[in-house]
Amino acid sequence: LRDAIQDQLTEGKLPTAAVRKAQEKL
């Protein structure tokens, strides 16, 4: 299961974008 998830993460097929707070100054 881990390997299948890792493949999906590597290929960009899972939503990994950070949800940022408005007050964060990044």
mmCIF file of all heavy atoms, coordinates in Angstrom:
data_MODEL
# 
_entry.id   MODEL 
# 
loop_
_atom_site.group_PDB 
_atom_site.id 
_atom_site.type_symbol 
_atom_site.label_atom_id 
_atom_site.label_alt_id 
_atom_site.label_comp_id 
_atom_site.label_asym_id 
_atom_site.label_entity_id 
_atom_site.label_seq_id 
_atom_site.pdbx_PDB_ins_code 
_atom_site.Cartn_x 
_atom_site.Cartn_y 
_atom_site.Cartn_z 
_atom_site.occupancy 
_atom_site.B_iso_or_equiv 
_atom_site.pdbx_formal_charge 
_atom_site.auth_seq_id 
_atom_site.auth_comp_id 
_atom_site.auth_asym_id 
_atom_site.auth_atom_id 
_atom_site.pdbx_PDB_model_num 
ATOM 1   N N   . LEU A 1 1  ? 0.837  -1.193 0.000   1.00 0.00 ? 1  LEU A N   1 
ATOM 2   C CA  . LEU A 1 1  ? 0.000  0.000  0.000   1.00 0.00 ? 1  LEU A CA  1 
ATOM 3   C C   . LEU A 1 1  ? 0.876  1.249  0.000   1.00 0.00 ? 1  LEU A C   1 
ATOM 4   O O   . LEU A 1 1  ? 0.608  2.215  -0.722  1.00 0.00 ? 1  LEU A O   1 
ATOM 5   C CB  . LEU A 1 1  ? -0.921 -0.017 1.217   1.00 0.00 ? 1  LEU A CB  1 
ATOM 6   C CG  . LEU A 1 1  ? -1.856 1.175  1.388   1.00 0.00 ? 1  LEU A CG  1 
ATOM 7   C CD1 . LEU A 1 1  ? -2.765 1.320  0.171   1.00 0.00 ? 1  LEU A CD1 1 
ATOM 8   C CD2 . LEU A 1 1  ? -2.686 1.012  2.656   1.00 0.00 ? 1  LEU A CD2 1 
ATOM 9   N N   . ARG A 1 2  ? 1.931  1.240  0.827   1.00 0.00 ? 2  ARG A N   1 
ATOM 10  C CA  . ARG A 1 2  ? 2.860  2.375  0.886   1.00 0.00 ? 2  ARG A CA  1 
ATOM 11  C C   . ARG A 1 2  ? 3.467  2.663  -0.482  1.00 0.00 ? 2  ARG A C   1 
ATOM 12  O O   . ARG A 1 2  ? 3.543  3.814  -0.918  1.00 0.00 ? 2  ARG A O   1 
ATOM 13  C CB  . ARG A 1 2  ? 3.938  2.059  1.899   1.00 0.00 ? 2  ARG A CB  1 
ATOM 14  C CG  . ARG A 1 2  ? 5.003  3.150  2.154   1.00 0.00 ? 2  ARG A CG  1 
ATOM 15  C CD  . ARG A 1 2  ? 6.209  3.058  1.217   1.00 0.00 ? 2  ARG A CD  1 
ATOM 16  N NE  . ARG A 1 2  ? 6.733  1.751  1.030   1.00 0.00 ? 2  ARG A NE  1 
ATOM 17  C CZ  . ARG A 1 2  ? 7.598  1.147  1.859   1.00 0.00 ? 2  ARG A CZ  1 
ATOM 18  N NH1 . ARG A 1 2  ? 8.018  1.773  2.936   1.00 0.00 ? 2  ARG A NH1 1 
ATOM 19  N NH2 . ARG A 1 2  ? 8.047  -0.070 1.563   1.00 0.00 ? 2  ARG A NH2 1 
ATOM 20  N N   . ASP A 1 3  ? 3.901  1.601  -1.172  1.00 0.00 ? 3  ASP A N   1 
ATOM 21  C CA  . ASP A 1 3  ? 4.536  1.784  -2.481  1.00 0.00 ? 3  ASP A CA  1 
ATOM 22  C C   . ASP A 1 3  ? 3.569  2.392  -3.494  1.00 0.00 ? 3  ASP A C   1 
ATOM 23  O O   . ASP A 1 3  ? 3.945  3.246  -4.307  1.00 0.00 ? 3  ASP A O   1 
ATOM 24  C CB  . ASP A 1 3  ? 5.063  0.440  -3.007  1.00 0.00 ? 3  ASP A CB  1 
ATOM 25  C CG  . ASP A 1 3  ? 6.237  -0.081 -2.191  1.00 0.00 ? 3  ASP A CG  1 
ATOM 26  O OD1 . ASP A 1 3  ? 6.834  0.717  -1.435  1.00 0.00 ? 3  ASP A OD1 1 
ATOM 27  O OD2 . ASP A 1 3  ? 6.555  -1.278 -2.311  1.00 0.00 ? 3  ASP A OD2 1 
ATOM 28  N N   . ALA A 1 4  ? 2.309  1.944  -3.439  1.00 0.00 ? 4  ALA A N   1 
ATOM 29  C CA  . ALA A 1 4  ? 1.308  2.493  -4.368  1.00 0.00 ? 4  ALA A CA  1 
ATOM 30  C C   . ALA A 1 4  ? 1.062  3.972  -4.075  1.00 0.00 ? 4  ALA A C   1 
ATOM 31  O O   . ALA A 1 4  ? 0.952  4.795  -4.994  1.00 0.00 ? 4  ALA A O   1 
ATOM 32  C CB  . ALA A 1 4  ? 0.000  1.707  -4.257  1.00 0.00 ? 4  ALA A CB  1 
ATOM 33  N N   . ILE A 1 5  ? 1.009  4.318  -2.792  1.00 0.00 ? 5  ILE A N   1 
ATOM 34  C CA  . ILE A 1 5  ? 0.818  5.724  -2.414  1.00 0.00 ? 5  ILE A CA  1 
ATOM 35  C C   . ILE A 1 5  ? 2.016  6.555  -2.821  1.00 0.00 ? 5  ILE A C   1 
ATOM 36  O O   . ILE A 1 5  ? 1.878  7.668  -3.337  1.00 0.00 ? 5  ILE A O   1 
ATOM 37  C CB  . ILE A 1 5  ? 0.570  5.839  -0.898  1.00 0.00 ? 5  ILE A CB  1 
ATOM 38  C CG1 . ILE A 1 5  ? -0.767 5.190  -0.536  1.00 0.00 ? 5  ILE A CG1 1 
ATOM 39  C CG2 . ILE A 1 5  ? 0.595  7.301  -0.447  1.00 0.00 ? 5  ILE A CG2 1 
ATOM 40  C CD1 . ILE A 1 5  ? -1.009 5.061  0.958   1.00 0.00 ? 5  ILE A CD1 1 
ATOM 41  N N   . GLN A 1 6  ? 3.237  6.012  -2.612  1.00 0.00 ? 6  GLN A N   1 
ATOM 42  C CA  . GLN A 1 6  ? 4.448  6.735  -2.977  1.00 0.00 ? 6  GLN A CA  1 
ATOM 43  C C   . GLN A 1 6  ? 4.484  7.034  -4.474  1.00 0.00 ? 6  GLN A C   1 
ATOM 44  O O   . GLN A 1 6  ? 4.868  8.131  -4.897  1.00 0.00 ? 6  GLN A O   1 
ATOM 45  C CB  . GLN A 1 6  ? 5.682  5.921  -2.585  1.00 0.00 ? 6  GLN A CB  1 
ATOM 46  C CG  . GLN A 1 6  ? 7.000  6.666  -2.758  1.00 0.00 ? 6  GLN A CG  1 
ATOM 47  C CD  . GLN A 1 6  ? 7.157  7.776  -1.739  1.00 0.00 ? 6  GLN A CD  1 
ATOM 48  O OE1 . GLN A 1 6  ? 7.230  7.527  -0.542  1.00 0.00 ? 6  GLN A OE1 1 
ATOM 49  N NE2 . GLN A 1 6  ? 7.221  9.012  -2.207  1.00 0.00 ? 6  GLN A NE2 1 
ATOM 50  N N   . ASP A 1 7  ? 4.059  6.061  -5.273  1.00 0.00 ? 7  ASP A N   1 
ATOM 51  C CA  . ASP A 1 7  ? 4.014  6.283  -6.728  1.00 0.00 ? 7  ASP A CA  1 
ATOM 52  C C   . ASP A 1 7  ? 3.052  7.414  -7.072  1.00 0.00 ? 7  ASP A C   1 
ATOM 53  O O   . ASP A 1 7  ? 3.351  8.264  -7.917  1.00 0.00 ? 7  ASP A O   1 
ATOM 54  C CB  . ASP A 1 7  ? 3.583  4.997  -7.446  1.00 0.00 ? 7  ASP A CB  1 
ATOM 55  C CG  . ASP A 1 7  ? 4.667  3.934  -7.439  1.00 0.00 ? 7  ASP A CG  1 
ATOM 56  O OD1 . ASP A 1 7  ? 5.841  4.281  -7.179  1.00 0.00 ? 7  ASP A OD1 1 
ATOM 57  O OD2 . ASP A 1 7  ? 4.337  2.755  -7.679  1.00 0.00 ? 7  ASP A OD2 1 
ATOM 58  N N   . GLN A 1 8  ? 1.892  7.416  -6.433  1.00 0.00 ? 8  GLN A N   1 
ATOM 59  C CA  . GLN A 1 8  ? 0.901  8.457  -6.692  1.00 0.00 ? 8  GLN A CA  1 
ATOM 60  C C   . GLN A 1 8  ? 1.427  9.829  -6.264  1.00 0.00 ? 8  GLN A C   1 
ATOM 61  O O   . GLN A 1 8  ? 1.208  10.832 -6.946  1.00 0.00 ? 8  GLN A O   1 
ATOM 62  C CB  . GLN A 1 8  ? -0.394 8.144  -5.933  1.00 0.00 ? 8  GLN A CB  1 
ATOM 63  C CG  . GLN A 1 8  ? -1.113 6.899  -6.402  1.00 0.00 ? 8  GLN A CG  1 
ATOM 64  C CD  . GLN A 1 8  ? -1.874 7.111  -7.692  1.00 0.00 ? 8  GLN A CD  1 
ATOM 65  O OE1 . GLN A 1 8  ? -2.724 7.984  -7.782  1.00 0.00 ? 8  GLN A OE1 1 
ATOM 66  N NE2 . GLN A 1 8  ? -1.564 6.325  -8.706  1.00 0.00 ? 8  GLN A NE2 1 
ATOM 67  N N   . LEU A 1 9  ? 2.130  9.873  -5.137  1.00 0.00 ? 9  LEU A N   1 
ATOM 68  C CA  . LEU A 1 9  ? 2.711  11.130 -4.669  1.00 0.00 ? 9  LEU A CA  1 
ATOM 69  C C   . LEU A 1 9  ? 3.783  11.615 -5.632  1.00 0.00 ? 9  LEU A C   1 
ATOM 70  O O   . LEU A 1 9  ? 3.835  12.797 -5.999  1.00 0.00 ? 9  LEU A O   1 
ATOM 71  C CB  . LEU A 1 9  ? 3.315  10.942 -3.275  1.00 0.00 ? 9  LEU A CB  1 
ATOM 72  C CG  . LEU A 1 9  ? 2.341  10.738 -2.118  1.00 0.00 ? 9  LEU A CG  1 
ATOM 73  C CD1 . LEU A 1 9  ? 3.091  10.321 -0.866  1.00 0.00 ? 9  LEU A CD1 1 
ATOM 74  C CD2 . LEU A 1 9  ? 1.544  12.010 -1.851  1.00 0.00 ? 9  LEU A CD2 1 
ATOM 75  N N   . THR A 1 10 ? 4.646  10.705 -6.049  1.00 0.00 ? 10 THR A N   1 
ATOM 76  C CA  . THR A 1 10 ? 5.751  11.058 -6.941  1.00 0.00 ? 10 THR A CA  1 
ATOM 77  C C   . THR A 1 10 ? 5.243  11.568 -8.279  1.00 0.00 ? 10 THR A C   1 
ATOM 78  O O   . THR A 1 10 ? 5.809  12.497 -8.872  1.00 0.00 ? 10 THR A O   1 
ATOM 79  C CB  . THR A 1 10 ? 6.666  9.845  -7.161  1.00 0.00 ? 10 THR A CB  1 
ATOM 80  O OG1 . THR A 1 10 ? 7.186  9.412  -5.894  1.00 0.00 ? 10 THR A OG1 1 
ATOM 81  C CG2 . THR A 1 10 ? 7.833  10.197 -8.077  1.00 0.00 ? 10 THR A CG2 1 
ATOM 82  N N   . GLU A 1 11 ? 4.165  10.972 -8.769  1.00 0.00 ? 11 GLU A N   1 
ATOM 83  C CA  . GLU A 1 11 ? 3.611  11.368 -10.064 1.00 0.00 ? 11 GLU A CA  1 
ATOM 84  C C   . GLU A 1 11 ? 2.704  12.588 -9.950  1.00 0.00 ? 11 GLU A C   1 
ATOM 85  O O   . GLU A 1 11 ? 2.171  13.072 -10.955 1.00 0.00 ? 11 GLU A O   1 
ATOM 86  C CB  . GLU A 1 11 ? 2.824  10.197 -10.659 1.00 0.00 ? 11 GLU A CB  1 
ATOM 87  C CG  . GLU A 1 11 ? 3.704  9.001  -11.018 1.00 0.00 ? 11 GLU A CG  1 
ATOM 88  C CD  . GLU A 1 11 ? 2.894  7.771  -11.398 1.00 0.00 ? 11 GLU A CD  1 
ATOM 89  O OE1 . GLU A 1 11 ? 1.661  7.920  -11.546 1.00 0.00 ? 11 GLU A OE1 1 
ATOM 90  O OE2 . GLU A 1 11 ? 3.475  6.693  -11.516 1.00 0.00 ? 11 GLU A OE2 1 
ATOM 91  N N   . GLY A 1 12 ? 2.522  13.102 -8.733  1.00 0.00 ? 12 GLY A N   1 
ATOM 92  C CA  . GLY A 1 12 ? 1.701  14.299 -8.547  1.00 0.00 ? 12 GLY A CA  1 
ATOM 93  C C   . GLY A 1 12 ? 0.220  14.051 -8.669  1.00 0.00 ? 12 GLY A C   1 
ATOM 94  O O   . GLY A 1 12 ? -0.547 14.961 -8.987  1.00 0.00 ? 12 GLY A O   1 
ATOM 95  N N   . LYS A 1 13 ? -0.234 12.815 -8.414  1.00 0.00 ? 13 LYS A N   1 
ATOM 96  C CA  . LYS A 1 13 ? -1.641 12.487 -8.599  1.00 0.00 ? 13 LYS A CA  1 
ATOM 97  C C   . LYS A 1 13 ? -2.469 12.620 -7.321  1.00 0.00 ? 13 LYS A C   1 
ATOM 98  O O   . LYS A 1 13 ? -3.671 12.391 -7.330  1.00 0.00 ? 13 LYS A O   1 
ATOM 99  C CB  . LYS A 1 13 ? -1.772 11.061 -9.145  1.00 0.00 ? 13 LYS A CB  1 
ATOM 100 C CG  . LYS A 1 13 ? -1.200 10.909 -10.558 1.00 0.00 ? 13 LYS A CG  1 
ATOM 101 C CD  . LYS A 1 13 ? -1.368 9.500  -11.075 1.00 0.00 ? 13 LYS A CD  1 
ATOM 102 C CE  . LYS A 1 13 ? -0.833 9.380  -12.498 1.00 0.00 ? 13 LYS A CE  1 
ATOM 103 N NZ  . LYS A 1 13 ? -0.954 8.011  -13.023 1.00 0.00 ? 13 LYS A NZ  1 
ATOM 104 N N   . LEU A 1 14 ? -1.804 12.984 -6.229  1.00 0.00 ? 14 LEU A N   1 
ATOM 105 C CA  . LEU A 1 14 ? -2.522 13.191 -4.978  1.00 0.00 ? 14 LEU A CA  1 
ATOM 106 C C   . LEU A 1 14 ? -2.386 14.644 -4.544  1.00 0.00 ? 14 LEU A C   1 
ATOM 107 O O   . LEU A 1 14 ? -1.341 15.264 -4.777  1.00 0.00 ? 14 LEU A O   1 
ATOM 108 C CB  . LEU A 1 14 ? -1.973 12.263 -3.884  1.00 0.00 ? 14 LEU A CB  1 
ATOM 109 C CG  . LEU A 1 14 ? -2.183 10.760 -4.117  1.00 0.00 ? 14 LEU A CG  1 
ATOM 110 C CD1 . LEU A 1 14 ? -1.521 9.959  -3.007  1.00 0.00 ? 14 LEU A CD1 1 
ATOM 111 C CD2 . LEU A 1 14 ? -3.667 10.419 -4.198  1.00 0.00 ? 14 LEU A CD2 1 
ATOM 112 N N   . PRO A 1 15 ? -3.393 15.196 -3.893  1.00 0.00 ? 15 PRO A N   1 
ATOM 113 C CA  . PRO A 1 15 ? -3.352 16.615 -3.507  1.00 0.00 ? 15 PRO A CA  1 
ATOM 114 C C   . PRO A 1 15 ? -2.419 16.841 -2.321  1.00 0.00 ? 15 PRO A C   1 
ATOM 115 O O   . PRO A 1 15 ? -2.758 16.541 -1.177  1.00 0.00 ? 15 PRO A O   1 
ATOM 116 C CB  . PRO A 1 15 ? -4.808 16.922 -3.139  1.00 0.00 ? 15 PRO A CB  1 
ATOM 117 C CG  . PRO A 1 15 ? -5.358 15.598 -2.700  1.00 0.00 ? 15 PRO A CG  1 
ATOM 118 C CD  . PRO A 1 15 ? -4.679 14.560 -3.535  1.00 0.00 ? 15 PRO A CD  1 
ATOM 119 N N   . THR A 1 16 ? -1.233 17.378 -2.583  1.00 0.00 ? 16 THR A N   1 
ATOM 120 C CA  . THR A 1 16 ? -0.262 17.612 -1.514  1.00 0.00 ? 16 THR A CA  1 
ATOM 121 C C   . THR A 1 16 ? -0.003 19.097 -1.293  1.00 0.00 ? 16 THR A C   1 
ATOM 122 O O   . THR A 1 16 ? 0.854  19.454 -0.481  1.00 0.00 ? 16 THR A O   1 
ATOM 123 C CB  . THR A 1 16 ? 1.075  16.924 -1.842  1.00 0.00 ? 16 THR A CB  1 
ATOM 124 O OG1 . THR A 1 16 ? 1.578  17.437 -3.079  1.00 0.00 ? 16 THR A OG1 1 
ATOM 125 C CG2 . THR A 1 16 ? 0.901  15.430 -1.947  1.00 0.00 ? 16 THR A CG2 1 
ATOM 126 N N   . ALA A 1 17 ? -0.694 19.954 -2.014  1.00 0.00 ? 17 ALA A N   1 
ATOM 127 C CA  . ALA A 1 17 ? -0.471 21.392 -1.855  1.00 0.00 ? 17 ALA A CA  1 
ATOM 128 C C   . ALA A 1 17 ? -0.845 21.826 -0.440  1.00 0.00 ? 17 ALA A C   1 
ATOM 129 O O   . ALA A 1 17 ? -1.868 21.424 0.103   1.00 0.00 ? 17 ALA A O   1 
ATOM 130 C CB  . ALA A 1 17 ? -1.306 22.176 -2.869  1.00 0.00 ? 17 ALA A CB  1 
ATOM 131 N N   . ALA A 1 18 ? 0.013  22.642 0.153   1.00 0.00 ? 18 ALA A N   1 
ATOM 132 C CA  . ALA A 1 18 ? -0.231 23.118 1.515   1.00 0.00 ? 18 ALA A CA  1 
ATOM 133 C C   . ALA A 1 18 ? -1.402 24.085 1.537   1.00 0.00 ? 18 ALA A C   1 
ATOM 134 O O   . ALA A 1 18 ? -1.584 24.888 0.623   1.00 0.00 ? 18 ALA A O   1 
ATOM 135 C CB  . ALA A 1 18 ? 1.021  23.793 2.064   1.00 0.00 ? 18 ALA A CB  1 
ATOM 136 N N   . VAL A 1 19 ? -2.222 23.996 2.578   1.00 0.00 ? 19 VAL A N   1 
ATOM 137 C CA  . VAL A 1 19 ? -3.298 24.962 2.809   1.00 0.00 ? 19 VAL A CA  1 
ATOM 138 C C   . VAL A 1 19 ? -2.741 26.001 3.763   1.00 0.00 ? 19 VAL A C   1 
ATOM 139 O O   . VAL A 1 19 ? -2.562 25.761 4.950   1.00 0.00 ? 19 VAL A O   1 
ATOM 140 C CB  . VAL A 1 19 ? -4.536 24.283 3.413   1.00 0.00 ? 19 VAL A CB  1 
ATOM 141 C CG1 . VAL A 1 19 ? -5.631 25.308 3.644   1.00 0.00 ? 19 VAL A CG1 1 
ATOM 142 C CG2 . VAL A 1 19 ? -5.024 23.176 2.492   1.00 0.00 ? 19 VAL A CG2 1 
ATOM 143 N N   . ARG A 1 20 ? -2.438 27.164 3.261   1.00 0.00 ? 20 ARG A N   1 
ATOM 144 C CA  . ARG A 1 20 ? -1.698 28.154 4.032   1.00 0.00 ? 20 ARG A CA  1 
ATOM 145 C C   . ARG A 1 20 ? -2.627 29.130 4.730   1.00 0.00 ? 20 ARG A C   1 
ATOM 146 O O   . ARG A 1 20 ? -3.634 29.549 4.180   1.00 0.00 ? 20 ARG A O   1 
ATOM 147 C CB  . ARG A 1 20 ? -0.744 28.926 3.110   1.00 0.00 ? 20 ARG A CB  1 
ATOM 148 C CG  . ARG A 1 20 ? 0.239  28.000 2.413   1.00 0.00 ? 20 ARG A CG  1 
ATOM 149 C CD  . ARG A 1 20 ? 1.178  28.794 1.551   1.00 0.00 ? 20 ARG A CD  1 
ATOM 150 N NE  . ARG A 1 20 ? 2.172  27.924 0.956   1.00 0.00 ? 20 ARG A NE  1 
ATOM 151 C CZ  . ARG A 1 20 ? 3.257  28.357 0.346   1.00 0.00 ? 20 ARG A CZ  1 
ATOM 152 N NH1 . ARG A 1 20 ? 3.485  29.648 0.248   1.00 0.00 ? 20 ARG A NH1 1 
ATOM 153 N NH2 . ARG A 1 20 ? 4.114  27.511 -0.185  1.00 0.00 ? 20 ARG A NH2 1 
ATOM 154 N N   . LYS A 1 21 ? -2.245 29.531 5.920   1.00 0.00 ? 21 LYS A N   1 
ATOM 155 C CA  . LYS A 1 21 ? -2.988 30.528 6.656   1.00 0.00 ? 21 LYS A CA  1 
ATOM 156 C C   . LYS A 1 21 ? -2.643 31.911 6.131   1.00 0.00 ? 21 LYS A C   1 
ATOM 157 O O   . LYS A 1 21 ? -1.510 32.195 5.781   1.00 0.00 ? 21 LYS A O   1 
ATOM 158 C CB  . LYS A 1 21 ? -2.656 30.432 8.141   1.00 0.00 ? 21 LYS A CB  1 
ATOM 159 C CG  . LYS A 1 21 ? -3.062 29.097 8.761   1.00 0.00 ? 21 LYS A CG  1 
ATOM 160 C CD  . LYS A 1 21 ? -2.694 29.048 10.227  1.00 0.00 ? 21 LYS A CD  1 
ATOM 161 C CE  . LYS A 1 21 ? -3.074 27.707 10.839  1.00 0.00 ? 21 LYS A CE  1 
ATOM 162 N NZ  . LYS A 1 21 ? -2.694 27.645 12.270  1.00 0.00 ? 21 LYS A NZ  1 
ATOM 163 N N   . ALA A 1 22 ? -3.642 32.772 6.103   1.00 0.00 ? 22 ALA A N   1 
ATOM 164 C CA  . ALA A 1 22 ? -3.453 34.104 5.527   1.00 0.00 ? 22 ALA A CA  1 
ATOM 165 C C   . ALA A 1 22 ? -2.381 34.883 6.259   1.00 0.00 ? 22 ALA A C   1 
ATOM 166 O O   . ALA A 1 22 ? -1.662 35.684 5.664   1.00 0.00 ? 22 ALA A O   1 
ATOM 167 C CB  . ALA A 1 22 ? -4.774 34.870 5.565   1.00 0.00 ? 22 ALA A CB  1 
ATOM 168 N N   . GLN A 1 23 ? -2.246 34.655 7.585   1.00 0.00 ? 23 GLN A N   1 
ATOM 169 C CA  . GLN A 1 23 ? -1.297 35.466 8.341   1.00 0.00 ? 23 GLN A CA  1 
ATOM 170 C C   . GLN A 1 23 ? 0.141  34.995 8.184   1.00 0.00 ? 23 GLN A C   1 
ATOM 171 O O   . GLN A 1 23 ? 1.066  35.647 8.655   1.00 0.00 ? 23 GLN A O   1 
ATOM 172 C CB  . GLN A 1 23 ? -1.670 35.471 9.826   1.00 0.00 ? 23 GLN A CB  1 
ATOM 173 C CG  . GLN A 1 23 ? -1.600 34.120 10.520  1.00 0.00 ? 23 GLN A CG  1 
ATOM 174 C CD  . GLN A 1 23 ? -2.934 33.407 10.489  1.00 0.00 ? 23 GLN A CD  1 
ATOM 175 O OE1 . GLN A 1 23 ? -3.725 33.615 9.585   1.00 0.00 ? 23 GLN A OE1 1 
ATOM 176 N NE2 . GLN A 1 23 ? -3.182 32.580 11.493  1.00 0.00 ? 23 GLN A NE2 1 
ATOM 177 N N   . GLU A 1 24 ? 0.352  33.826 7.591   1.00 0.00 ? 24 GLU A N   1 
ATOM 178 C CA  . GLU A 1 24 ? 1.711  33.341 7.417   1.00 0.00 ? 24 GLU A CA  1 
ATOM 179 C C   . GLU A 1 24 ? 2.446  34.182 6.377   1.00 0.00 ? 24 GLU A C   1 
ATOM 180 O O   . GLU A 1 24 ? 1.949  34.405 5.280   1.00 0.00 ? 24 GLU A O   1 
ATOM 181 C CB  . GLU A 1 24 ? 1.707  31.878 6.977   1.00 0.00 ? 24 GLU A CB  1 
ATOM 182 C CG  . GLU A 1 24 ? 1.234  30.924 8.066   1.00 0.00 ? 24 GLU A CG  1 
ATOM 183 C CD  . GLU A 1 24 ? 1.251  29.486 7.575   1.00 0.00 ? 24 GLU A CD  1 
ATOM 184 O OE1 . GLU A 1 24 ? 1.192  29.274 6.348   1.00 0.00 ? 24 GLU A OE1 1 
ATOM 185 O OE2 . GLU A 1 24 ? 1.312  28.581 8.408   1.00 0.00 ? 24 GLU A OE2 1 
ATOM 186 N N   . LYS A 1 25 ? 3.619  34.639 6.729   1.00 0.00 ? 25 LYS A N   1 
ATOM 187 C CA  . LYS A 1 25 ? 4.423  35.417 5.793   1.00 0.00 ? 25 LYS A CA  1 
ATOM 188 C C   . LYS A 1 25 ? 5.520  34.522 5.237   1.00 0.00 ? 25 LYS A C   1 
ATOM 189 O O   . LYS A 1 25 ? 6.623  34.434 5.780   1.00 0.00 ? 25 LYS A O   1 
ATOM 190 C CB  . LYS A 1 25 ? 5.013  36.642 6.496   1.00 0.00 ? 25 LYS A CB  1 
ATOM 191 C CG  . LYS A 1 25 ? 3.957  37.644 6.941   1.00 0.00 ? 25 LYS A CG  1 
ATOM 192 C CD  . LYS A 1 25 ? 4.595  38.870 7.571   1.00 0.00 ? 25 LYS A CD  1 
ATOM 193 C CE  . LYS A 1 25 ? 3.527  39.878 7.983   1.00 0.00 ? 25 LYS A CE  1 
ATOM 194 N NZ  . LYS A 1 25 ? 4.132  41.082 8.621   1.00 0.00 ? 25 LYS A NZ  1 
ATOM 195 N N   . LEU A 1 26 ? 5.192  33.804 4.175   1.00 0.00 ? 26 LEU A N   1 
ATOM 196 C CA  . LEU A 1 26 ? 6.113  32.859 3.580   1.00 0.00 ? 26 LEU A CA  1 
ATOM 197 C C   . LEU A 1 26 ? 6.665  33.430 2.285   1.00 0.00 ? 26 LEU A C   1 
ATOM 198 O O   . LEU A 1 26 ? 5.977  34.125 1.544   1.00 0.00 ? 26 LEU A O   1 
ATOM 199 C CB  . LEU A 1 26 ? 5.408  31.528 3.306   1.00 0.00 ? 26 LEU A CB  1 
ATOM 200 C CG  . LEU A 1 26 ? 4.802  30.839 4.543   1.00 0.00 ? 26 LEU A CG  1 
ATOM 201 C CD1 . LEU A 1 26 ? 4.038  29.605 4.110   1.00 0.00 ? 26 LEU A CD1 1 
ATOM 202 C CD2 . LEU A 1 26 ? 5.890  30.480 5.535   1.00 0.00 ? 26 LEU A CD2 1 
# 
